[in-house]
Protein backbone atom coordinates (compact mmCIF):
# COMPACT_ATOMS: atom_id res chain seq x y z
CA MET A 1 -0.26 0.14 -0.06
CA GLN A 2 1.23 3.08 -0.97
CA GLU A 3 2.57 5.36 2.14
CA ASN A 4 0.58 8.84 3.11
CA ASN A 5 2.44 11.82 3.97
CA LYS A 6 -0.22 14.43 3.90
CA LEU A 7 -2.74 12.87 6.32
CA LYS A 8 -1.82 13.35 9.63
CA SER A 9 -5.53 13.51 11.38
CA ILE A 10 -8.77 12.06 9.89
CA SER A 11 -12.21 12.66 11.54
CA VAL A 12 -14.59 9.64 11.44
CA PHE A 13 -18.53 10.27 12.06
CA CYS A 14 -20.26 7.12 12.53
CA GLY A 15 -23.41 5.97 15.00
CA SER A 16 -23.52 5.66 18.63
CA SER A 17 -25.77 2.61 17.98
CA VAL A 18 -23.80 -0.86 16.86
CA GLY A 19 -26.59 -1.87 14.69
CA PHE A 20 -27.80 -5.32 14.27
CA ASP A 21 -25.18 -6.64 11.76
CA GLU A 22 -21.23 -7.46 13.49
CA ILE A 23 -20.14 -6.68 10.14
CA TYR A 24 -20.81 -2.61 11.44
CA GLY A 25 -18.54 -3.20 14.66
CA GLU A 26 -15.60 -5.30 12.99
CA LYS A 27 -15.13 -2.60 10.64
CA ALA A 28 -15.28 0.37 12.33
CA TYR A 29 -12.77 -1.68 14.91
CA ALA A 30 -10.68 -2.54 12.00
CA LEU A 31 -10.33 0.97 10.27
CA GLY A 32 -9.36 2.47 14.20
CA LYS A 33 -7.08 0.11 13.60
CA PHE A 34 -5.74 0.75 10.08
CA LEU A 35 -5.68 4.83 11.24
CA ALA A 36 -3.08 3.60 14.14
CA LEU A 37 -0.79 1.35 12.61
CA LYS A 38 -0.36 4.16 9.82
CA ASN A 39 0.24 6.40 12.81
CA ILE A 40 -2.90 9.20 11.85
CA THR A 41 -4.64 10.58 14.48
CA LEU A 42 -8.35 9.45 14.87
CA VAL A 43 -10.77 12.71 15.70
CA TYR A 44 -14.23 11.12 16.50
CA GLY A 45 -17.48 12.02 19.31
CA GLY A 46 -15.74 11.04 22.18
CA ALA A 47 -18.32 8.34 23.09
CA ASN A 48 -18.04 5.09 25.00
CA ARG A 49 -20.66 3.32 23.00
CA GLY A 50 -21.94 2.25 19.54
CA LEU A 51 -19.97 2.11 16.69
CA MET A 52 -18.03 4.85 18.28
CA ARG A 53 -16.48 2.92 20.65
CA TYR A 54 -15.28 0.01 18.65
CA LEU A 55 -13.80 2.65 16.66
CA ALA A 56 -12.28 4.37 19.42
CA ASP A 57 -11.22 0.43 20.55
CA GLY A 58 -9.66 -0.11 17.12
CA ALA A 59 -7.14 2.92 17.59
CA LEU A 60 -6.51 2.54 21.29
CA ASP A 61 -5.11 -0.88 21.02
CA ASN A 62 -2.70 -0.25 18.39
CA ASN A 63 -1.13 2.48 20.35
CA GLY A 64 -3.15 5.12 18.28
CA LYS A 65 -3.86 8.56 19.21
CA VAL A 66 -7.50 9.33 19.51
CA ILE A 67 -9.04 12.63 19.76
CA GLY A 68 -12.82 12.86 21.11
CA VAL A 69 -15.31 16.21 20.72
CA MET A 70 -17.89 16.22 22.64
CA PRO A 71 -20.48 18.99 23.72
CA ALA A 72 -20.88 19.13 27.54
CA PHE A 73 -25.06 18.49 27.39
CA LEU A 74 -24.09 15.04 25.73
CA LYS A 75 -21.12 13.94 28.12
CA SER A 76 -23.56 12.26 30.64
CA LYS A 77 -25.77 10.99 28.00
CA GLU A 78 -23.04 9.57 25.60
CA VAL A 79 -20.72 8.25 28.52
CA ALA A 80 -17.88 10.20 27.52
CA TYR A 81 -14.76 7.45 26.88
CA GLU A 82 -12.19 8.30 29.11
CA LYS A 83 -9.72 5.62 28.36
CA ILE A 84 -8.73 8.15 25.04
CA THR A 85 -5.90 10.46 24.79
CA GLU A 86 -7.53 13.41 24.71
CA LEU A 87 -11.17 14.82 25.14
CA ILE A 88 -12.49 18.09 23.55
CA ILE A 89 -16.06 19.50 25.40
CA VAL A 90 -17.35 22.17 23.49
CA GLU A 91 -20.78 23.95 24.06
CA THR A 92 -22.64 23.11 20.78
CA MET A 93 -23.27 20.61 18.23
CA HIS A 94 -22.32 23.25 15.69
CA GLU A 95 -19.27 23.74 17.50
CA ARG A 96 -18.60 20.24 18.14
CA LYS A 97 -18.36 19.49 13.75
CA TRP A 98 -16.05 22.64 13.46
CA LYS A 99 -13.99 21.96 15.74
CA MET A 100 -13.48 18.38 14.71
CA SER A 101 -12.76 19.81 10.70
CA GLN A 102 -10.14 22.00 12.19
CA LEU A 103 -8.46 19.33 13.61
CA SER A 104 -8.12 16.70 10.65
CA ASP A 105 -7.03 16.23 7.17
CA ALA A 106 -9.74 14.62 5.90
CA VAL A 107 -13.24 12.65 6.99
CA ILE A 108 -14.75 9.36 6.63
CA ALA A 109 -18.35 8.94 7.53
CA MET A 110 -19.36 5.08 8.68
CA PRO A 111 -23.09 3.76 9.08
CA GLY A 112 -24.95 5.59 11.38
CA GLY A 113 -28.10 7.09 11.86
CA PHE A 114 -29.55 11.43 11.84
CA GLY A 115 -26.48 12.31 13.73
CA THR A 116 -23.85 11.19 11.22
CA LEU A 117 -25.91 12.17 8.60
CA ASP A 118 -25.98 15.71 9.76
CA GLU A 119 -22.22 15.44 10.08
CA PHE A 120 -21.72 14.34 6.90
CA PHE A 121 -23.74 16.75 5.35
CA GLU A 122 -22.54 19.89 7.01
CA MET A 123 -19.03 18.33 5.76
CA ILE A 124 -19.85 18.04 2.34
CA THR A 125 -21.90 21.12 2.34
CA TRP A 126 -18.78 23.29 3.52
CA GLY A 127 -16.57 21.46 1.08
CA GLN A 128 -19.19 22.66 -1.66
CA LEU A 129 -18.68 26.22 -0.29
CA VAL A 130 -14.73 26.09 0.08
CA LEU A 131 -14.70 26.68 4.03
CA HIS A 132 -12.17 24.22 3.57
CA ARG A 133 -10.99 21.84 0.77
CA LYS A 134 -10.61 18.11 3.08
CA PRO A 135 -11.63 15.11 1.13
CA VAL A 136 -15.23 13.69 2.81
CA SER A 137 -15.80 10.18 2.21
CA LEU A 138 -18.79 7.47 3.05
CA LEU A 139 -17.15 3.85 4.18
CA ASN A 140 -19.84 1.99 2.13
CA ILE A 141 -20.06 -1.26 4.14
CA LYS A 142 -23.30 -3.88 2.67
CA GLY A 143 -24.12 -0.95 0.67
CA TYR A 144 -25.16 1.09 3.37
CA PHE A 145 -25.07 4.59 1.73
CA ASP A 146 -26.27 3.19 -2.00
CA SER A 147 -30.15 5.11 -1.97
CA LEU A 148 -28.67 7.81 -0.38
CA MET A 149 -25.97 8.08 -3.38
CA ASP A 150 -29.34 7.48 -5.22
CA PHE A 151 -30.88 10.49 -4.02
CA ALA A 152 -27.74 12.46 -4.76
CA ASP A 153 -27.63 11.01 -8.11
CA GLN A 154 -31.37 12.75 -8.45
CA MET A 155 -30.75 16.01 -7.36
CA VAL A 156 -28.16 16.51 -10.24
CA ARG A 157 -30.90 14.86 -12.69
CA GLU A 158 -33.36 17.53 -11.42
CA GLY A 159 -30.90 20.28 -11.25
CA PHE A 160 -30.38 20.70 -7.58
CA LEU A 161 -26.64 19.62 -7.48
CA LYS A 162 -24.63 20.45 -9.98
CA PRO A 163 -22.11 16.91 -11.05
CA GLU A 164 -19.11 18.97 -10.16
CA ASN A 165 -20.62 18.59 -6.29
CA ARG A 166 -21.87 15.70 -6.76
CA ALA A 167 -18.55 14.10 -7.51
CA LEU A 168 -16.82 15.50 -4.09
CA VAL A 169 -18.75 12.47 -2.31
CA ILE A 170 -15.89 9.84 -2.30
CA THR A 171 -17.28 6.84 -1.45
CA ASP A 172 -15.75 2.46 -1.04
CA ASP A 173 -16.59 -0.30 0.81
CA LYS A 174 -13.13 -1.43 1.58
CA ILE A 175 -10.85 0.61 3.86
CA GLU A 176 -7.68 0.58 2.14
CA ALA A 177 -9.13 1.44 -1.31
CA LEU A 178 -11.20 4.63 0.62
CA PHE A 179 -7.98 5.66 2.31
CA GLU A 180 -5.88 5.84 -0.89
CA LYS A 181 -9.00 8.18 -2.76
CA LEU A 182 -8.18 10.39 0.24
CA THR A 183 -4.61 10.73 -0.09
CA ASN A 184 -4.36 10.99 -3.91
CA TYR A 185 -7.56 13.75 -3.61
CA LYS A 186 -6.63 16.64 -5.31
CA PRO A 187 -9.76 19.84 -4.18
CA PRO A 188 -11.50 20.74 -7.23
CA ASP A 189 -10.95 24.45 -8.79
CA SER A 190 -14.48 25.73 -9.58
CA ALA A 191 -16.09 25.82 -6.20
CA LYS A 192 -16.78 29.43 -5.00
CA ARG A 193 -15.65 30.69 -1.90
CA ILE A 194 -17.16 32.05 0.89
CA THR A 195 -15.87 33.41 4.14
CA ASP A 196 -15.13 31.80 7.39
CA LYS A 197 -17.61 34.71 8.66
CA LEU A 198 -20.45 33.48 6.45
CA LEU A 199 -20.45 29.97 8.11
CA TYR A 200 -21.21 31.69 11.98
CA GLU A 201 -23.79 34.75 10.74
CA ASN A 202 -26.50 31.78 9.26
């Protein structure tokens, strides 16, 4: 596998539930392990449950660095994972996403629910608006995101999404292949740039 020289940290968004199929937990653990072995810092939501726990354990069990970011009001509800390298407490969900983006060079979303989709869509929207130029991706385990990508294609067909912005979404069902795509990603030059200030005014 080609060694990575530019991705030092990756944010991973995933479910606080484990799902019904064991493969989800296995792949979350495998991703955490993969990042640790590549000496890449894992940035995630900081929880000690669901796929988030599997992900963090995969990294921690292999001497990886794990940074969690969690809003104060969720700390007791989600049970913050005390074993991780560093836990950063913020005030709001929005600040959580912004901080995770600041701390990472790329984004991976794994299967999850509404919260995971919210995080993924905000990251890809910020990329579309050039608030960042990081690669944003989906680890498409068991075809979990197939229907979502079909809907993105529908947005293009109906004129609500430009093909070049649809192309910002990187997908693969294999960790190694997805990582190669993230490593080789080159941000497009065509996107319209806006200021960071606008993000906080809306």
